[in-house]
Amino acid sequence: NVSKRFLTHVVLDGVSLQVKRGETLALLGPSGVGKSVLLKHIIGLIKPDSGDVLVDGLRVPSLKRKELSELRTRIGYVFQNGALFDSMNVFENIRLGITHEEQYADTDYCTERVKECLRLVNLQPDVAEKMPAELSGGMRKRVGIARAIAGKPSYLLYDEPTSGLDPLNADVIDSLIERLQQELGVTSVVVTHDVRGSFRVADRIALLWQAKIRTVGTADEILASRDPAVQQFLERDLEMAMIQAETEPPVGRRATGDASRGGEVR
């Protein structure tokens, strides 16, 4: 029952949503509808005007600074544009995701952890020495994901992970989200307006529409919905997806093709 407004603009109006442990939930909605605002409530970056947010039984808006900091060590956040620090190389950017102080201070541990995180996002070890300006858009996105998993979180929050990418690179990121869920067993929330990608990676899909959660269900349930708002949102995207599906091999819920194994992506 979370509500949030900025001045006179109501962004969230009595929103209720539950994410099950171990699942990937995609939060769909038009641009500017408040998906990222809802995501930031989960990690305590924004407090609701009313309602409550619970993670692991903890009331996030009521947590003190130390308690909130401890909770955030269990949550990895993937920012929309990667949000890499331009003055730091990839190694130092990923190292920032290591939340345990003793581990962060252990150079040998950091070296191995950064190497492992790069492997998990299908990047070669030598990428660690590059600066963000030397990376393509797809690689910056993956470094942002590598930083988010560096602290071995239980939860991953993705804010528009495929925005600004061409379809090939978007597919690579979708494959990566699938594989991380399988290998790490994390609980994930993926904020997106990409219907095709959400159908691929998510166990369930929620549609945020006019400040409310309009519907929640599996891909099949969303497709079968007679709700005019759902149909209006899906119509254009589904038509494009069907056209593309006719010219591409089918992609399953847990596909593991060449894209998921990696390779250079631009």
Protein backbone atom coordinates (compact mmCIF):
# COMPACT_ATOMS: atom_id res chain seq x y z
CA ASN A 1 0.00 0.00 0.00
CA VAL A 2 2.87 2.36 -0.88
CA SER A 3 2.03 5.88 -2.01
CA LYS A 4 4.43 8.57 -3.20
CA ARG A 5 3.98 11.97 -4.77
CA PHE A 6 6.37 14.70 -5.87
CA LEU A 7 4.66 18.07 -5.37
CA THR A 8 1.26 17.53 -7.02
CA HIS A 9 2.34 14.58 -9.17
CA VAL A 10 1.17 11.22 -7.78
CA VAL A 11 3.77 8.63 -8.78
CA LEU A 12 2.63 5.64 -6.69
CA ASP A 13 -0.92 5.31 -5.40
CA GLY A 14 -1.47 2.43 -2.97
CA VAL A 15 0.96 0.07 -4.69
CA SER A 16 1.23 -3.46 -3.28
CA LEU A 17 3.63 -6.02 -4.74
CA GLN A 18 5.28 -9.16 -3.41
CA VAL A 19 8.48 -10.67 -4.83
CA LYS A 20 9.01 -14.34 -4.01
CA ARG A 21 12.38 -15.64 -2.86
CA GLY A 22 14.48 -16.96 -5.76
CA GLU A 23 12.28 -15.60 -8.55
CA THR A 24 12.90 -12.98 -11.21
CA LEU A 25 10.09 -10.45 -11.38
CA ALA A 26 9.92 -7.95 -14.23
CA LEU A 27 8.29 -4.58 -13.52
CA LEU A 28 6.85 -3.29 -16.78
CA GLY A 29 5.36 0.07 -17.57
CA PRO A 30 5.60 3.11 -19.85
CA SER A 31 8.52 5.50 -19.49
CA GLY A 32 8.06 7.93 -16.60
CA VAL A 33 5.38 5.88 -14.85
CA GLY A 34 7.41 5.45 -11.64
CA LYS A 35 9.09 2.06 -12.04
CA SER A 36 12.50 3.33 -10.91
CA VAL A 37 10.88 5.20 -8.02
CA LEU A 38 9.33 1.93 -6.82
CA LEU A 39 12.70 0.18 -7.17
CA LYS A 40 14.42 2.85 -5.05
CA HIS A 41 11.86 2.34 -2.29
CA ILE A 42 13.10 -1.25 -1.91
CA ILE A 43 16.65 -0.16 -1.12
CA GLY A 44 15.63 2.86 0.96
CA LEU A 45 16.84 5.57 -1.41
CA ILE A 46 13.30 6.99 -1.34
CA LYS A 47 10.82 6.83 1.54
CA PRO A 48 7.09 6.41 0.91
CA ASP A 49 4.60 9.09 1.94
CA SER A 50 2.47 6.24 3.30
CA GLY A 51 2.55 2.47 3.27
CA ASP A 52 5.45 0.20 4.08
CA VAL A 53 8.32 -1.67 2.40
CA LEU A 54 9.53 -4.96 3.86
CA VAL A 55 12.69 -6.85 2.95
CA ASP A 56 13.58 -9.97 4.94
CA GLY A 57 10.95 -8.93 7.47
CA LEU A 58 12.61 -5.54 8.01
CA ARG A 59 10.58 -2.33 7.60
CA VAL A 60 12.91 -0.41 5.29
CA PRO A 61 11.52 3.14 5.85
CA SER A 62 11.98 2.73 9.62
CA LEU A 63 15.57 1.46 9.57
CA LYS A 64 18.33 3.51 11.17
CA ARG A 65 21.38 4.37 9.09
CA LYS A 66 23.49 1.45 10.36
CA GLU A 67 20.64 -1.04 9.88
CA LEU A 68 19.91 0.26 6.39
CA SER A 69 23.60 0.05 5.50
CA GLU A 70 23.69 -3.58 6.66
CA LEU A 71 20.58 -4.43 4.60
CA ARG A 72 22.13 -2.86 1.51
CA THR A 73 25.07 -5.26 1.74
CA ARG A 74 22.55 -7.96 0.72
CA ILE A 75 21.19 -5.98 -2.23
CA GLY A 76 22.97 -5.35 -5.53
CA TYR A 77 21.73 -2.36 -7.56
CA VAL A 78 22.31 -2.10 -11.31
CA PHE A 79 21.89 1.52 -12.38
CA GLN A 80 20.32 2.39 -15.72
CA ASN A 81 23.47 3.73 -17.40
CA GLY A 82 26.01 1.65 -15.50
CA ALA A 83 26.96 4.66 -13.32
CA LEU A 84 30.67 3.86 -13.51
CA PHE A 85 33.19 6.30 -12.07
CA ASP A 86 35.13 7.70 -15.02
CA SER A 87 38.25 8.40 -12.93
CA MET A 88 38.55 4.74 -11.84
CA ASN A 89 39.47 1.73 -13.93
CA VAL A 90 37.14 -1.27 -14.17
CA PHE A 91 38.93 -3.07 -11.31
CA GLU A 92 38.33 -0.22 -8.88
CA ASN A 93 34.74 0.24 -10.06
CA ILE A 94 33.91 -3.41 -9.40
CA ARG A 95 35.85 -3.39 -6.13
CA LEU A 96 33.44 -0.72 -4.82
CA GLY A 97 30.75 -3.40 -4.79
CA ILE A 98 32.63 -5.43 -2.14
CA THR A 99 30.78 -4.37 0.99
CA HIS A 100 32.75 -6.27 3.65
CA GLU A 101 35.47 -3.93 4.95
CA GLU A 102 38.12 -6.61 5.60
CA GLN A 103 37.55 -8.15 2.18
CA TYR A 104 37.70 -4.73 0.52
CA ALA A 105 41.07 -4.09 2.18
CA ASP A 106 42.45 -7.49 1.09
CA THR A 107 44.09 -6.88 -2.29
CA ASP A 108 44.42 -10.58 -3.11
CA TYR A 109 40.75 -11.21 -2.33
CA CYS A 110 39.68 -8.22 -4.43
CA THR A 111 41.81 -9.37 -7.37
CA GLU A 112 40.22 -12.81 -7.37
CA ARG A 113 36.72 -11.50 -6.74
CA VAL A 114 36.92 -8.96 -9.58
CA LYS A 115 38.22 -11.68 -11.89
CA GLU A 116 35.32 -13.95 -10.92
CA CYS A 117 32.75 -11.18 -11.39
CA LEU A 118 34.12 -10.41 -14.84
CA ARG A 119 33.83 -14.10 -15.70
CA LEU A 120 30.23 -14.15 -14.55
CA VAL A 121 29.37 -11.27 -16.90
CA ASN A 122 31.35 -12.78 -19.80
CA LEU A 123 34.26 -10.32 -19.82
CA GLN A 124 37.96 -11.18 -20.03
CA PRO A 125 40.27 -10.54 -17.02
CA ASP A 126 42.26 -7.86 -18.89
CA VAL A 127 39.13 -5.66 -19.01
CA ALA A 128 39.87 -4.90 -15.33
CA GLU A 129 42.68 -2.53 -16.37
CA LYS A 130 40.57 -0.53 -18.83
CA MET A 131 38.93 2.81 -18.11
CA PRO A 132 35.16 3.23 -18.60
CA ALA A 133 35.75 5.52 -21.59
CA GLU A 134 37.45 2.61 -23.39
CA LEU A 135 34.38 0.39 -23.11
CA SER A 136 31.37 0.02 -25.40
CA GLY A 137 27.88 0.63 -24.08
CA GLY A 138 27.20 -3.09 -23.69
CA MET A 139 30.45 -3.64 -21.81
CA ARG A 140 29.74 -0.74 -19.42
CA LYS A 141 26.37 -2.30 -18.64
CA ARG A 142 28.05 -5.60 -17.81
CA VAL A 143 30.68 -3.95 -15.63
CA GLY A 144 27.82 -2.30 -13.74
CA ILE A 145 26.30 -5.75 -13.18
CA ALA A 146 29.70 -7.12 -12.12
CA ARG A 147 29.93 -4.39 -9.46
CA ALA A 148 26.40 -5.20 -8.26
CA ILE A 149 27.28 -8.87 -7.66
CA ALA A 150 30.76 -8.26 -6.18
CA GLY A 151 29.41 -8.24 -2.62
CA LYS A 152 27.60 -11.59 -3.15
CA PRO A 153 24.11 -10.16 -2.65
CA SER A 154 20.91 -12.11 -2.09
CA TYR A 155 18.93 -9.64 -4.20
CA LEU A 156 19.59 -7.89 -7.50
CA LEU A 157 17.67 -4.80 -8.59
CA TYR A 158 18.04 -3.89 -12.27
CA ASP A 159 17.00 -0.41 -13.44
CA GLU A 160 16.40 -0.58 -17.22
CA PRO A 161 19.39 -2.89 -17.89
CA THR A 162 18.86 -2.98 -21.68
CA SER A 163 17.91 0.65 -22.32
CA GLY A 164 19.94 2.30 -25.07
CA LEU A 165 21.23 -1.03 -26.42
CA ASP A 166 20.65 -2.53 -29.85
CA PRO A 167 18.63 -5.80 -29.97
CA LEU A 168 21.75 -8.01 -30.09
CA ASN A 169 23.31 -6.47 -27.00
CA ALA A 170 19.92 -6.41 -25.25
CA ASP A 171 19.67 -10.17 -25.83
CA VAL A 172 23.12 -10.64 -24.32
CA ILE A 173 22.10 -8.74 -21.17
CA ASP A 174 18.86 -10.75 -20.95
CA SER A 175 20.86 -13.98 -21.21
CA LEU A 176 23.15 -12.71 -18.49
CA ILE A 177 20.23 -11.95 -16.14
CA GLU A 178 18.95 -15.49 -16.69
CA ARG A 179 22.33 -17.08 -16.05
CA LEU A 180 23.03 -15.09 -12.89
CA GLN A 181 19.68 -16.16 -11.48
CA GLN A 182 20.60 -19.79 -12.17
CA GLU A 183 24.23 -19.68 -10.99
CA LEU A 184 23.82 -17.37 -7.98
CA GLY A 185 20.25 -18.19 -6.96
CA VAL A 186 19.48 -14.51 -6.39
CA THR A 187 16.05 -12.90 -6.16
CA SER A 188 15.77 -10.26 -8.90
CA VAL A 189 13.55 -7.33 -9.80
CA VAL A 190 14.02 -6.07 -13.35
CA VAL A 191 12.57 -2.64 -14.17
CA THR A 192 12.03 -2.42 -17.92
CA HIS A 193 9.72 -1.30 -20.70
CA ASP A 194 11.00 -4.11 -22.97
CA VAL A 195 8.12 -6.59 -23.22
CA ARG A 196 10.08 -9.17 -25.21
CA GLY A 197 12.99 -9.14 -22.75
CA SER A 198 10.73 -9.34 -19.72
CA PHE A 199 8.90 -12.36 -21.15
CA ARG A 200 12.25 -14.03 -21.63
CA VAL A 201 13.87 -13.48 -18.23
CA ALA A 202 11.00 -13.24 -15.74
CA ASP A 203 9.10 -15.86 -13.78
CA ARG A 204 6.35 -13.27 -13.21
CA ILE A 205 5.57 -9.86 -14.67
CA ALA A 206 3.92 -6.85 -13.00
CA LEU A 207 2.50 -3.91 -14.95
CA LEU A 208 2.68 -0.48 -13.31
CA TRP A 209 0.04 1.70 -14.93
CA GLN A 210 -1.23 5.13 -13.83
CA ALA A 211 0.44 4.89 -10.41
CA LYS A 212 -0.99 1.45 -9.60
CA ILE A 213 -0.03 -2.19 -10.13
CA ARG A 214 -2.55 -3.09 -12.83
CA THR A 215 -1.79 -6.81 -13.07
CA VAL A 216 0.72 -9.47 -11.98
CA GLY A 217 1.19 -12.88 -13.58
CA THR A 218 3.23 -15.19 -15.75
CA ALA A 219 3.90 -14.35 -19.39
CA ASP A 220 1.02 -16.61 -20.46
CA GLU A 221 -1.33 -14.94 -17.98
CA ILE A 222 -0.31 -11.49 -19.18
CA LEU A 223 -0.86 -12.50 -22.79
CA ALA A 224 -4.31 -13.87 -21.95
CA SER A 225 -5.39 -10.74 -20.05
CA ARG A 226 -8.45 -8.91 -21.32
CA ASP A 227 -7.59 -5.78 -19.36
CA PRO A 228 -7.64 -2.91 -21.92
CA ALA A 229 -4.66 -1.22 -20.25
CA VAL A 230 -2.61 -4.42 -20.53
CA GLN A 231 -3.64 -4.91 -24.15
CA GLN A 232 -2.84 -1.30 -24.99
CA PHE A 233 0.63 -1.55 -23.47
CA LEU A 234 1.47 -4.90 -25.06
CA GLU A 235 -0.01 -4.40 -28.52
CA ARG A 236 2.86 -2.61 -30.24
CA ASP A 237 5.66 -4.49 -28.47
CA LEU A 238 4.12 -7.90 -29.03
CA GLU A 239 3.60 -7.23 -32.71
CA MET A 240 7.28 -6.35 -33.07
CA ALA A 241 8.31 -9.41 -31.04
CA MET A 242 6.19 -11.76 -33.18
CA ILE A 243 7.68 -10.38 -36.37
CA GLN A 244 11.18 -10.88 -34.98
CA ALA A 245 10.33 -14.37 -33.68
CA GLU A 246 9.45 -15.46 -37.22
CA THR A 247 13.00 -14.71 -38.38
CA GLU A 248 14.92 -15.94 -35.30
CA PRO A 249 15.33 -19.28 -33.52
CA PRO A 250 12.97 -19.57 -30.54
CA VAL A 251 14.27 -18.47 -27.14
CA GLY A 252 13.19 -20.46 -24.07
CA ARG A 253 12.67 -19.35 -20.49
CA ARG A 254 16.11 -20.62 -19.54
CA ALA A 255 17.88 -20.63 -22.90
CA THR A 256 21.64 -21.09 -22.97
CA GLY A 257 22.84 -20.23 -26.43
CA ASP A 258 26.01 -18.57 -27.66
CA ALA A 259 24.88 -15.21 -26.26
CA SER A 260 24.86 -16.55 -22.71
CA ARG A 261 28.38 -17.90 -23.11
CA GLY A 262 29.72 -14.50 -23.94
CA GLY A 263 32.15 -13.15 -26.51
CA GLU A 264 32.96 -9.58 -27.45
CA VAL A 265 29.89 -7.35 -27.45
CA ARG A 266 29.72 -3.85 -28.85
